[in-house]
């Protein structure tokens, strides 16, 4: 529904997850990036 979100403590306040169901797309906006954010990022989904 997009109404509930959760974040790891390490990204809270810097990252924002969102989705647009009409476009079949999820997003992750990442601000104030630092070297510890370097990684391969994966999206995942599960029907609920």
ModelCIF file with pLDDT and N, C-alpha, C, O atoms, coordinates in Angstrom:
data_MODEL
#
_entry.id   MODEL 
#
_entity.id                         1 
_entity.type                       polymer 
_entity.pdbx_number_of_molecules   1 
#
_entity_poly.entity_id                      1 
_entity_poly.type                           'polypeptide(L)' 
_entity_poly.nstd_linkage                   no 
_entity_poly.nstd_monomer                   no 
_entity_poly.pdbx_seq_one_letter_code       
;(UNK)(UNK)(UNK)(UNK)(UNK)(UNK)(UNK)(UNK)(UNK)(UNK)(UNK)(UNK)(UNK)(UNK)(UNK)(UNK)
(UNK)(UNK)(UNK)(UNK)(UNK)(UNK)(UNK)(UNK)(UNK)(UNK)(UNK)(UNK)(UNK)(UNK)(UNK)(UNK)
(UNK)(UNK)(UNK)(UNK)(UNK)(UNK)(UNK)(UNK)(UNK)(UNK)(UNK)(UNK)(UNK)(UNK)(UNK)(UNK)
;
_entity_poly.pdbx_seq_one_letter_code_can   XXXXXXXXXXXXXXXXXXXXXXXXXXXXXXXXXXXXXXXXXXXXXXXX 
_entity_poly.pdbx_strand_id                 A 
#
loop_
_entity_poly_seq.entity_id 
_entity_poly_seq.num 
_entity_poly_seq.mon_id 
_entity_poly_seq.hetero 
1 1  UNK n 
1 2  UNK n 
1 3  UNK n 
1 4  UNK n 
1 5  UNK n 
1 6  UNK n 
1 7  UNK n 
1 8  UNK n 
1 9  UNK n 
1 10 UNK n 
1 11 UNK n 
1 12 UNK n 
1 13 UNK n 
1 14 UNK n 
1 15 UNK n 
1 16 UNK n 
1 17 UNK n 
1 18 UNK n 
1 19 UNK n 
1 20 UNK n 
1 21 UNK n 
1 22 UNK n 
1 23 UNK n 
1 24 UNK n 
1 25 UNK n 
1 26 UNK n 
1 27 UNK n 
1 28 UNK n 
1 29 UNK n 
1 30 UNK n 
1 31 UNK n 
1 32 UNK n 
1 33 UNK n 
1 34 UNK n 
1 35 UNK n 
1 36 UNK n 
1 37 UNK n 
1 38 UNK n 
1 39 UNK n 
1 40 UNK n 
1 41 UNK n 
1 42 UNK n 
1 43 UNK n 
1 44 UNK n 
1 45 UNK n 
1 46 UNK n 
1 47 UNK n 
1 48 UNK n 
#
_struct_asym.id          A 
_struct_asym.entity_id   1 
#
loop_
_ma_qa_metric.id 
_ma_qa_metric.mode 
_ma_qa_metric.name 
_ma_qa_metric.software_group_id 
_ma_qa_metric.type 
1 global pLDDT . pLDDT 
2 local  pLDDT . pLDDT 
#
_ma_qa_metric_global.metric_id      1 
_ma_qa_metric_global.metric_value   96.94 
_ma_qa_metric_global.model_id       1 
_ma_qa_metric_global.ordinal_id     1 
#
loop_
_ma_qa_metric_local.label_asym_id 
_ma_qa_metric_local.label_comp_id 
_ma_qa_metric_local.label_seq_id 
_ma_qa_metric_local.metric_id 
_ma_qa_metric_local.metric_value 
_ma_qa_metric_local.model_id 
_ma_qa_metric_local.ordinal_id 
A UNK 1  2 92.00 1 1  
A UNK 2  2 91.00 1 2  
A UNK 3  2 92.00 1 3  
A UNK 4  2 96.00 1 4  
A UNK 5  2 98.00 1 5  
A UNK 6  2 98.00 1 6  
A UNK 7  2 98.00 1 7  
A UNK 8  2 98.00 1 8  
A UNK 9  2 98.00 1 9  
A UNK 10 2 98.00 1 10 
A UNK 11 2 98.00 1 11 
A UNK 12 2 98.00 1 12 
A UNK 13 2 98.00 1 13 
A UNK 14 2 98.00 1 14 
A UNK 15 2 98.00 1 15 
A UNK 16 2 98.00 1 16 
A UNK 17 2 98.00 1 17 
A UNK 18 2 98.00 1 18 
A UNK 19 2 97.00 1 19 
A UNK 20 2 96.00 1 20 
A UNK 21 2 95.00 1 21 
A UNK 22 2 94.00 1 22 
A UNK 23 2 95.00 1 23 
A UNK 24 2 96.00 1 24 
A UNK 25 2 97.00 1 25 
A UNK 26 2 98.00 1 26 
A UNK 27 2 98.00 1 27 
A UNK 28 2 98.00 1 28 
A UNK 29 2 98.00 1 29 
A UNK 30 2 98.00 1 30 
A UNK 31 2 98.00 1 31 
A UNK 32 2 98.00 1 32 
A UNK 33 2 98.00 1 33 
A UNK 34 2 98.00 1 34 
A UNK 35 2 96.00 1 35 
A UNK 36 2 97.00 1 36 
A UNK 37 2 98.00 1 37 
A UNK 38 2 98.00 1 38 
A UNK 39 2 98.00 1 39 
A UNK 40 2 98.00 1 40 
A UNK 41 2 98.00 1 41 
A UNK 42 2 98.00 1 42 
A UNK 43 2 98.00 1 43 
A UNK 44 2 98.00 1 44 
A UNK 45 2 97.00 1 45 
A UNK 46 2 96.00 1 46 
A UNK 47 2 95.00 1 47 
A UNK 48 2 93.00 1 48 
#
loop_
_atom_site.group_PDB 
_atom_site.id 
_atom_site.type_symbol 
_atom_site.label_atom_id 
_atom_site.label_alt_id 
_atom_site.label_comp_id 
_atom_site.label_asym_id 
_atom_site.label_entity_id 
_atom_site.label_seq_id 
_atom_site.pdbx_PDB_ins_code 
_atom_site.Cartn_x 
_atom_site.Cartn_y 
_atom_site.Cartn_z 
_atom_site.occupancy 
_atom_site.B_iso_or_equiv 
_atom_site.pdbx_formal_charge 
_atom_site.auth_seq_id 
_atom_site.auth_comp_id 
_atom_site.auth_asym_id 
_atom_site.auth_atom_id 
_atom_site.pdbx_PDB_model_num 
ATOM 1   N N  . UNK A 1 1  ? 0.816  -1.207  0.000   1.00 92.00 ? 1  UNK A N  1 
ATOM 2   C CA . UNK A 1 1  ? 0.000  0.000   0.000   1.00 92.00 ? 1  UNK A CA 1 
ATOM 3   C C  . UNK A 1 1  ? 0.853  1.262   0.000   1.00 92.00 ? 1  UNK A C  1 
ATOM 4   O O  . UNK A 1 1  ? 0.387  2.348   -0.344  1.00 92.00 ? 1  UNK A O  1 
ATOM 5   N N  . UNK A 1 2  ? 2.124  1.093   0.396   1.00 91.00 ? 2  UNK A N  1 
ATOM 6   C CA . UNK A 1 2  ? 3.001  2.253   0.521   1.00 91.00 ? 2  UNK A CA 1 
ATOM 7   C C  . UNK A 1 2  ? 2.851  2.986   1.832   1.00 91.00 ? 2  UNK A C  1 
ATOM 8   O O  . UNK A 1 2  ? 3.560  3.955   2.103   1.00 91.00 ? 2  UNK A O  1 
ATOM 9   N N  . UNK A 1 3  ? 1.924  2.519   2.642   1.00 92.00 ? 3  UNK A N  1 
ATOM 10  C CA . UNK A 1 3  ? 1.632  3.244   3.861   1.00 92.00 ? 3  UNK A CA 1 
ATOM 11  C C  . UNK A 1 3  ? 2.562  2.962   5.021   1.00 92.00 ? 3  UNK A C  1 
ATOM 12  O O  . UNK A 1 3  ? 2.609  3.730   5.981   1.00 92.00 ? 3  UNK A O  1 
ATOM 13  N N  . UNK A 1 4  ? 3.300  1.872   4.943   1.00 96.00 ? 4  UNK A N  1 
ATOM 14  C CA . UNK A 1 4  ? 4.231  1.519   6.026   1.00 96.00 ? 4  UNK A CA 1 
ATOM 15  C C  . UNK A 1 4  ? 5.621  1.294   5.455   1.00 96.00 ? 4  UNK A C  1 
ATOM 16  O O  . UNK A 1 4  ? 5.787  0.654   4.416   1.00 96.00 ? 4  UNK A O  1 
ATOM 17  N N  . UNK A 1 5  ? 6.607  1.827   6.144   1.00 98.00 ? 5  UNK A N  1 
ATOM 18  C CA . UNK A 1 5  ? 7.994  1.667   5.740   1.00 98.00 ? 5  UNK A CA 1 
ATOM 19  C C  . UNK A 1 5  ? 8.847  1.329   6.945   1.00 98.00 ? 5  UNK A C  1 
ATOM 20  O O  . UNK A 1 5  ? 8.455  1.549   8.091   1.00 98.00 ? 5  UNK A O  1 
ATOM 21  N N  . UNK A 1 6  ? 10.023 0.790   6.663   1.00 98.00 ? 6  UNK A N  1 
ATOM 22  C CA . UNK A 1 6  ? 10.984 0.476   7.722   1.00 98.00 ? 6  UNK A CA 1 
ATOM 23  C C  . UNK A 1 6  ? 12.385 0.700   7.167   1.00 98.00 ? 6  UNK A C  1 
ATOM 24  O O  . UNK A 1 6  ? 12.624 0.555   5.968   1.00 98.00 ? 6  UNK A O  1 
ATOM 25  N N  . UNK A 1 7  ? 13.313 1.057   8.065   1.00 98.00 ? 7  UNK A N  1 
ATOM 26  C CA . UNK A 1 7  ? 14.677 1.351   7.645   1.00 98.00 ? 7  UNK A CA 1 
ATOM 27  C C  . UNK A 1 7  ? 15.674 0.748   8.638   1.00 98.00 ? 7  UNK A C  1 
ATOM 28  O O  . UNK A 1 7  ? 15.397 0.616   9.830   1.00 98.00 ? 7  UNK A O  1 
ATOM 29  N N  . UNK A 1 8  ? 16.824 0.395   8.109   1.00 98.00 ? 8  UNK A N  1 
ATOM 30  C CA . UNK A 1 8  ? 17.936 0.037   8.971   1.00 98.00 ? 8  UNK A CA 1 
ATOM 31  C C  . UNK A 1 8  ? 18.401 1.293   9.697   1.00 98.00 ? 8  UNK A C  1 
ATOM 32  O O  . UNK A 1 8  ? 18.317 2.397   9.158   1.00 98.00 ? 8  UNK A O  1 
ATOM 33  N N  . UNK A 1 9  ? 18.887 1.123   10.909  1.00 98.00 ? 9  UNK A N  1 
ATOM 34  C CA . UNK A 1 9  ? 19.340 2.276   11.688  1.00 98.00 ? 9  UNK A CA 1 
ATOM 35  C C  . UNK A 1 9  ? 20.433 3.056   10.963  1.00 98.00 ? 9  UNK A C  1 
ATOM 36  O O  . UNK A 1 9  ? 20.524 4.276   11.101  1.00 98.00 ? 9  UNK A O  1 
ATOM 37  N N  . UNK A 1 10 ? 21.257 2.358   10.197  1.00 98.00 ? 10 UNK A N  1 
ATOM 38  C CA . UNK A 1 10 ? 22.393 2.996   9.539   1.00 98.00 ? 10 UNK A CA 1 
ATOM 39  C C  . UNK A 1 10 ? 21.975 3.950   8.416   1.00 98.00 ? 10 UNK A C  1 
ATOM 40  O O  . UNK A 1 10 ? 22.768 4.792   7.995   1.00 98.00 ? 10 UNK A O  1 
ATOM 41  N N  . UNK A 1 11 ? 20.734 3.822   7.928   1.00 98.00 ? 11 UNK A N  1 
ATOM 42  C CA . UNK A 1 11 ? 20.301 4.678   6.825   1.00 98.00 ? 11 UNK A CA 1 
ATOM 43  C C  . UNK A 1 11 ? 19.127 5.563   7.210   1.00 98.00 ? 11 UNK A C  1 
ATOM 44  O O  . UNK A 1 11 ? 18.708 6.417   6.428   1.00 98.00 ? 11 UNK A O  1 
ATOM 45  N N  . UNK A 1 12 ? 18.603 5.368   8.389   1.00 98.00 ? 12 UNK A N  1 
ATOM 46  C CA . UNK A 1 12 ? 17.429 6.133   8.813   1.00 98.00 ? 12 UNK A CA 1 
ATOM 47  C C  . UNK A 1 12 ? 17.727 7.628   8.778   1.00 98.00 ? 12 UNK A C  1 
ATOM 48  O O  . UNK A 1 12 ? 18.756 8.079   9.282   1.00 98.00 ? 12 UNK A O  1 
ATOM 49  N N  . UNK A 1 13 ? 16.830 8.378   8.187   1.00 98.00 ? 13 UNK A N  1 
ATOM 50  C CA . UNK A 1 13 ? 17.008 9.819   8.072   1.00 98.00 ? 13 UNK A CA 1 
ATOM 51  C C  . UNK A 1 13 ? 17.771 10.240  6.838   1.00 98.00 ? 13 UNK A C  1 
ATOM 52  O O  . UNK A 1 13 ? 17.797 11.425  6.506   1.00 98.00 ? 13 UNK A O  1 
ATOM 53  N N  . UNK A 1 14 ? 18.400 9.288   6.140   1.00 98.00 ? 14 UNK A N  1 
ATOM 54  C CA . UNK A 1 14 ? 19.154 9.606   4.924   1.00 98.00 ? 14 UNK A CA 1 
ATOM 55  C C  . UNK A 1 14 ? 18.525 8.980   3.690   1.00 98.00 ? 14 UNK A C  1 
ATOM 56  O O  . UNK A 1 14 ? 18.562 9.566   2.608   1.00 98.00 ? 14 UNK A O  1 
ATOM 57  N N  . UNK A 1 15 ? 17.947 7.788   3.846   1.00 98.00 ? 15 UNK A N  1 
ATOM 58  C CA . UNK A 1 15 ? 17.363 7.060   2.725   1.00 98.00 ? 15 UNK A CA 1 
ATOM 59  C C  . UNK A 1 15 ? 15.843 7.098   2.826   1.00 98.00 ? 15 UNK A C  1 
ATOM 60  O O  . UNK A 1 15 ? 15.276 7.136   3.918   1.00 98.00 ? 15 UNK A O  1 
ATOM 61  N N  . UNK A 1 16 ? 15.194 7.088   1.658   1.00 98.00 ? 16 UNK A N  1 
ATOM 62  C CA . UNK A 1 16 ? 13.736 7.049   1.600   1.00 98.00 ? 16 UNK A CA 1 
ATOM 63  C C  . UNK A 1 16 ? 13.290 6.018   0.571   1.00 98.00 ? 16 UNK A C  1 
ATOM 64  O O  . UNK A 1 16 ? 13.683 6.081   -0.594  1.00 98.00 ? 16 UNK A O  1 
ATOM 65  N N  . UNK A 1 17 ? 12.481 5.086   0.999   1.00 98.00 ? 17 UNK A N  1 
ATOM 66  C CA . UNK A 1 17 ? 11.910 4.095   0.092   1.00 98.00 ? 17 UNK A CA 1 
ATOM 67  C C  . UNK A 1 17 ? 10.517 4.554   -0.315  1.00 98.00 ? 17 UNK A C  1 
ATOM 68  O O  . UNK A 1 17 ? 9.773  5.105   0.497   1.00 98.00 ? 17 UNK A O  1 
ATOM 69  N N  . UNK A 1 18 ? 10.175 4.327   -1.558  1.00 98.00 ? 18 UNK A N  1 
ATOM 70  C CA . UNK A 1 18 ? 8.852  4.685   -2.051  1.00 98.00 ? 18 UNK A CA 1 
ATOM 71  C C  . UNK A 1 18 ? 8.487  3.755   -3.197  1.00 98.00 ? 18 UNK A C  1 
ATOM 72  O O  . UNK A 1 18 ? 9.300  2.940   -3.633  1.00 98.00 ? 18 UNK A O  1 
ATOM 73  N N  . UNK A 1 19 ? 7.260  3.884   -3.679  1.00 97.00 ? 19 UNK A N  1 
ATOM 74  C CA . UNK A 1 19 ? 6.827  3.050   -4.786  1.00 97.00 ? 19 UNK A CA 1 
ATOM 75  C C  . UNK A 1 19 ? 5.739  3.768   -5.577  1.00 97.00 ? 19 UNK A C  1 
ATOM 76  O O  . UNK A 1 19 ? 5.017  4.623   -5.062  1.00 97.00 ? 19 UNK A O  1 
ATOM 77  N N  . UNK A 1 20 ? 5.654  3.390   -6.834  1.00 96.00 ? 20 UNK A N  1 
ATOM 78  C CA . UNK A 1 20 ? 4.584  3.881   -7.690  1.00 96.00 ? 20 UNK A CA 1 
ATOM 79  C C  . UNK A 1 20 ? 3.953  2.650   -8.330  1.00 96.00 ? 20 UNK A C  1 
ATOM 80  O O  . UNK A 1 20 ? 4.490  2.103   -9.294  1.00 96.00 ? 20 UNK A O  1 
ATOM 81  N N  . UNK A 1 21 ? 2.833  2.222   -7.803  1.00 95.00 ? 21 UNK A N  1 
ATOM 82  C CA . UNK A 1 21 ? 2.213  0.988   -8.287  1.00 95.00 ? 21 UNK A CA 1 
ATOM 83  C C  . UNK A 1 21 ? 1.706  1.127   -9.719  1.00 95.00 ? 21 UNK A C  1 
ATOM 84  O O  . UNK A 1 21 ? 1.613  0.135   -10.442 1.00 95.00 ? 21 UNK A O  1 
ATOM 85  N N  . UNK A 1 22 ? 1.384  2.330   -10.126 1.00 94.00 ? 22 UNK A N  1 
ATOM 86  C CA . UNK A 1 22 ? 0.939  2.532   -11.507 1.00 94.00 ? 22 UNK A CA 1 
ATOM 87  C C  . UNK A 1 22 ? 2.073  2.307   -12.500 1.00 94.00 ? 22 UNK A C  1 
ATOM 88  O O  . UNK A 1 22 ? 1.838  1.929   -13.648 1.00 94.00 ? 22 UNK A O  1 
ATOM 89  N N  . UNK A 1 23 ? 3.312  2.543   -12.046 1.00 95.00 ? 23 UNK A N  1 
ATOM 90  C CA . UNK A 1 23 ? 4.479  2.357   -12.903 1.00 95.00 ? 23 UNK A CA 1 
ATOM 91  C C  . UNK A 1 23 ? 5.212  1.063   -12.617 1.00 95.00 ? 23 UNK A C  1 
ATOM 92  O O  . UNK A 1 23 ? 6.241  0.783   -13.231 1.00 95.00 ? 23 UNK A O  1 
ATOM 93  N N  . UNK A 1 24 ? 4.688  0.263   -11.682 1.00 96.00 ? 24 UNK A N  1 
ATOM 94  C CA . UNK A 1 24 ? 5.347  -1.005  -11.314 1.00 96.00 ? 24 UNK A CA 1 
ATOM 95  C C  . UNK A 1 24 ? 6.805  -0.780  -10.903 1.00 96.00 ? 24 UNK A C  1 
ATOM 96  O O  . UNK A 1 24 ? 7.688  -1.543  -11.295 1.00 96.00 ? 24 UNK A O  1 
ATOM 97  N N  . UNK A 1 25 ? 7.049  0.251   -10.126 1.00 97.00 ? 25 UNK A N  1 
ATOM 98  C CA . UNK A 1 25 ? 8.423  0.605   -9.777  1.00 97.00 ? 25 UNK A CA 1 
ATOM 99  C C  . UNK A 1 25 ? 8.533  0.976   -8.303  1.00 97.00 ? 25 UNK A C  1 
ATOM 100 O O  . UNK A 1 25 ? 7.683  1.668   -7.743  1.00 97.00 ? 25 UNK A O  1 
ATOM 101 N N  . UNK A 1 26 ? 9.605  0.492   -7.701  1.00 98.00 ? 26 UNK A N  1 
ATOM 102 C CA . UNK A 1 26 ? 9.980  0.907   -6.357  1.00 98.00 ? 26 UNK A CA 1 
ATOM 103 C C  . UNK A 1 26 ? 11.258 1.734   -6.449  1.00 98.00 ? 26 UNK A C  1 
ATOM 104 O O  . UNK A 1 26 ? 12.048 1.589   -7.382  1.00 98.00 ? 26 UNK A O  1 
ATOM 105 N N  . UNK A 1 27 ? 11.439 2.600   -5.462  1.00 98.00 ? 27 UNK A N  1 
ATOM 106 C CA . UNK A 1 27 ? 12.581 3.513   -5.486  1.00 98.00 ? 27 UNK A CA 1 
ATOM 107 C C  . UNK A 1 27 ? 13.294 3.503   -4.145  1.00 98.00 ? 27 UNK A C  1 
ATOM 108 O O  . UNK A 1 27 ? 12.722 3.164   -3.109  1.00 98.00 ? 27 UNK A O  1 
ATOM 109 N N  . UNK A 1 28 ? 14.566 3.887   -4.202  1.00 98.00 ? 28 UNK A N  1 
ATOM 110 C CA . UNK A 1 28 ? 15.331 4.135   -2.987  1.00 98.00 ? 28 UNK A CA 1 
ATOM 111 C C  . UNK A 1 28 ? 16.132 5.409   -3.213  1.00 98.00 ? 28 UNK A C  1 
ATOM 112 O O  . UNK A 1 28 ? 17.111 5.420   -3.958  1.00 98.00 ? 28 UNK A O  1 
ATOM 113 N N  . UNK A 1 29 ? 15.701 6.477   -2.559  1.00 98.00 ? 29 UNK A N  1 
ATOM 114 C CA . UNK A 1 29 ? 16.418 7.744   -2.625  1.00 98.00 ? 29 UNK A CA 1 
ATOM 115 C C  . UNK A 1 29 ? 17.455 7.761   -1.511  1.00 98.00 ? 29 UNK A C  1 
ATOM 116 O O  . UNK A 1 29 ? 17.125 7.592   -0.336  1.00 98.00 ? 29 UNK A O  1 
ATOM 117 N N  . UNK A 1 30 ? 18.700 7.965   -1.891  1.00 98.00 ? 30 UNK A N  1 
ATOM 118 C CA . UNK A 1 30 ? 19.798 7.906   -0.938  1.00 98.00 ? 30 UNK A CA 1 
ATOM 119 C C  . UNK A 1 30 ? 20.489 9.266   -0.884  1.00 98.00 ? 30 UNK A C  1 
ATOM 120 O O  . UNK A 1 30 ? 21.055 9.724   -1.876  1.00 98.00 ? 30 UNK A O  1 
ATOM 121 N N  . UNK A 1 31 ? 20.439 9.899   0.275   1.00 98.00 ? 31 UNK A N  1 
ATOM 122 C CA . UNK A 1 31 ? 21.083 11.194  0.481   1.00 98.00 ? 31 UNK A CA 1 
ATOM 123 C C  . UNK A 1 31 ? 22.246 11.060  1.467   1.00 98.00 ? 31 UNK A C  1 
ATOM 124 O O  . UNK A 1 31 ? 22.357 10.071  2.193   1.00 98.00 ? 31 UNK A O  1 
ATOM 125 N N  . UNK A 1 32 ? 23.094 12.067  1.473   1.00 98.00 ? 32 UNK A N  1 
ATOM 126 C CA . UNK A 1 32 ? 24.222 12.119  2.423   1.00 98.00 ? 32 UNK A CA 1 
ATOM 127 C C  . UNK A 1 32 ? 25.009 10.812  2.407   1.00 98.00 ? 32 UNK A C  1 
ATOM 128 O O  . UNK A 1 32 ? 25.306 10.242  3.457   1.00 98.00 ? 32 UNK A O  1 
ATOM 129 N N  . UNK A 1 33 ? 25.336 10.355  1.232   1.00 98.00 ? 33 UNK A N  1 
ATOM 130 C CA . UNK A 1 33 ? 26.040 9.081   1.095   1.00 98.00 ? 33 UNK A CA 1 
ATOM 131 C C  . UNK A 1 33 ? 27.444 9.166   1.671   1.00 98.00 ? 33 UNK A C  1 
ATOM 132 O O  . UNK A 1 33 ? 28.099 10.205  1.592   1.00 98.00 ? 33 UNK A O  1 
ATOM 133 N N  . UNK A 1 34 ? 27.892 8.074   2.245   1.00 98.00 ? 34 UNK A N  1 
ATOM 134 C CA . UNK A 1 34 ? 29.258 7.978   2.755   1.00 98.00 ? 34 UNK A CA 1 
ATOM 135 C C  . UNK A 1 34 ? 29.868 6.661   2.287   1.00 98.00 ? 34 UNK A C  1 
ATOM 136 O O  . UNK A 1 34 ? 29.193 5.826   1.684   1.00 98.00 ? 34 UNK A O  1 
ATOM 137 N N  . UNK A 1 35 ? 31.125 6.495   2.569   1.00 96.00 ? 35 UNK A N  1 
ATOM 138 C CA . UNK A 1 35 ? 31.854 5.332   2.046   1.00 96.00 ? 35 UNK A CA 1 
ATOM 139 C C  . UNK A 1 35 ? 31.263 4.013   2.536   1.00 96.00 ? 35 UNK A C  1 
ATOM 140 O O  . UNK A 1 35 ? 31.386 2.993   1.857   1.00 96.00 ? 35 UNK A O  1 
ATOM 141 N N  . UNK A 1 36 ? 30.639 4.020   3.675   1.00 97.00 ? 36 UNK A N  1 
ATOM 142 C CA . UNK A 1 36 ? 30.061 2.790   4.214   1.00 97.00 ? 36 UNK A CA 1 
ATOM 143 C C  . UNK A 1 36 ? 28.799 2.376   3.466   1.00 97.00 ? 36 UNK A C  1 
ATOM 144 O O  . UNK A 1 36 ? 28.283 1.278   3.677   1.00 97.00 ? 36 UNK A O  1 
ATOM 145 N N  . UNK A 1 37 ? 28.308 3.238   2.606   1.00 98.00 ? 37 UNK A N  1 
ATOM 146 C CA . UNK A 1 37 ? 27.141 2.889   1.782   1.00 98.00 ? 37 UNK A CA 1 
ATOM 147 C C  . UNK A 1 37 ? 27.553 2.177   0.495   1.00 98.00 ? 37 UNK A C  1 
ATOM 148 O O  . UNK A 1 37 ? 26.692 1.716   -0.253  1.00 98.00 ? 37 UNK A O  1 
ATOM 149 N N  . UNK A 1 38 ? 28.845 2.082   0.229   1.00 98.00 ? 38 UNK A N  1 
ATOM 150 C CA . UNK A 1 38 ? 29.322 1.384   -0.960  1.00 98.00 ? 38 UNK A CA 1 
ATOM 151 C C  . UNK A 1 38 ? 28.957 -0.095  -0.886  1.00 98.00 ? 38 UNK A C  1 
ATOM 152 O O  . UNK A 1 38 ? 29.317 -0.792  0.063   1.00 98.00 ? 38 UNK A O  1 
ATOM 153 N N  . UNK A 1 39 ? 28.240 -0.558  -1.899  1.00 98.00 ? 39 UNK A N  1 
ATOM 154 C CA . UNK A 1 39 ? 27.759 -1.939  -1.903  1.00 98.00 ? 39 UNK A CA 1 
ATOM 155 C C  . UNK A 1 39 ? 27.002 -2.195  -3.193  1.00 98.00 ? 39 UNK A C  1 
ATOM 156 O O  . UNK A 1 39 ? 26.711 -1.274  -3.955  1.00 98.00 ? 39 UNK A O  1 
ATOM 157 N N  . UNK A 1 40 ? 26.688 -3.460  -3.423  1.00 98.00 ? 40 UNK A N  1 
ATOM 158 C CA . UNK A 1 40 ? 25.714 -3.815  -4.449  1.00 98.00 ? 40 UNK A CA 1 
ATOM 159 C C  . UNK A 1 40 ? 24.341 -3.772  -3.792  1.00 98.00 ? 40 UNK A C  1 
ATOM 160 O O  . UNK A 1 40 ? 24.126 -4.379  -2.743  1.00 98.00 ? 40 UNK A O  1 
ATOM 161 N N  . UNK A 1 41 ? 23.427 -3.061  -4.410  1.00 98.00 ? 41 UNK A N  1 
ATOM 162 C CA . UNK A 1 41 ? 22.087 -2.907  -3.862  1.00 98.00 ? 41 UNK A CA 1 
ATOM 163 C C  . UNK A 1 41 ? 21.108 -3.779  -4.644  1.00 98.00 ? 41 UNK A C  1 
ATOM 164 O O  . UNK A 1 41 ? 21.095 -3.780  -5.875  1.00 98.00 ? 41 UNK A O  1 
ATOM 165 N N  . UNK A 1 42 ? 20.297 -4.513  -3.905  1.00 98.00 ? 42 UNK A N  1 
ATOM 166 C CA . UNK A 1 42 ? 19.323 -5.421  -4.478  1.00 98.00 ? 42 UNK A CA 1 
ATOM 167 C C  . UNK A 1 42 ? 17.914 -5.027  -4.053  1.00 98.00 ? 42 UNK A C  1 
ATOM 168 O O  . UNK A 1 42 ? 17.680 -4.664  -2.900  1.00 98.00 ? 42 UNK A O  1 
ATOM 169 N N  . UNK A 1 43 ? 16.980 -5.101  -4.994  1.00 98.00 ? 43 UNK A N  1 
ATOM 170 C CA . UNK A 1 43 ? 15.595 -4.985  -4.580  1.00 98.00 ? 43 UNK A CA 1 
ATOM 171 C C  . UNK A 1 43 ? 14.985 -6.378  -4.535  1.00 98.00 ? 43 UNK A C  1 
ATOM 172 O O  . UNK A 1 43 ? 15.427 -7.291  -5.231  1.00 98.00 ? 43 UNK A O  1 
ATOM 173 N N  . UNK A 1 44 ? 13.986 -6.517  -3.722  1.00 98.00 ? 44 UNK A N  1 
ATOM 174 C CA . UNK A 1 44 ? 13.335 -7.806  -3.523  1.00 98.00 ? 44 UNK A CA 1 
ATOM 175 C C  . UNK A 1 44 ? 11.842 -7.590  -3.325  1.00 98.00 ? 44 UNK A C  1 
ATOM 176 O O  . UNK A 1 44 ? 11.408 -6.529  -2.876  1.00 98.00 ? 44 UNK A O  1 
ATOM 177 N N  . UNK A 1 45 ? 11.068 -8.604  -3.665  1.00 97.00 ? 45 UNK A N  1 
ATOM 178 C CA . UNK A 1 45 ? 9.623  -8.492  -3.532  1.00 97.00 ? 45 UNK A CA 1 
ATOM 179 C C  . UNK A 1 45 ? 8.989  -9.794  -3.110  1.00 97.00 ? 45 UNK A C  1 
ATOM 180 O O  . UNK A 1 45 ? 9.526  -10.871 -3.368  1.00 97.00 ? 45 UNK A O  1 
ATOM 181 N N  . UNK A 1 46 ? 7.853  -9.694  -2.464  1.00 96.00 ? 46 UNK A N  1 
ATOM 182 C CA . UNK A 1 46 ? 7.086  -10.871 -2.052  1.00 96.00 ? 46 UNK A CA 1 
ATOM 183 C C  . UNK A 1 46 ? 5.612  -10.503 -2.038  1.00 96.00 ? 46 UNK A C  1 
ATOM 184 O O  . UNK A 1 46 ? 5.241  -9.438  -1.544  1.00 96.00 ? 46 UNK A O  1 
ATOM 185 N N  . UNK A 1 47 ? 4.759  -11.391 -2.585  1.00 95.00 ? 47 UNK A N  1 
ATOM 186 C CA . UNK A 1 47 ? 3.322  -11.101 -2.528  1.00 95.00 ? 47 UNK A CA 1 
ATOM 187 C C  . UNK A 1 47 ? 2.827  -11.214 -1.092  1.00 95.00 ? 47 UNK A C  1 
ATOM 188 O O  . UNK A 1 47 ? 3.266  -12.080 -0.335  1.00 95.00 ? 47 UNK A O  1 
ATOM 189 N N  . UNK A 1 48 ? 1.932  -10.352 -0.741  1.00 93.00 ? 48 UNK A N  1 
ATOM 190 C CA . UNK A 1 48 ? 1.395  -10.372 0.607   1.00 93.00 ? 48 UNK A CA 1 
ATOM 191 C C  . UNK A 1 48 ? -0.082 -9.986  0.567   1.00 93.00 ? 48 UNK A C  1 
ATOM 192 O O  . UNK A 1 48 ? -0.736 -9.939  1.608   1.00 93.00 ? 48 UNK A O  1 
#
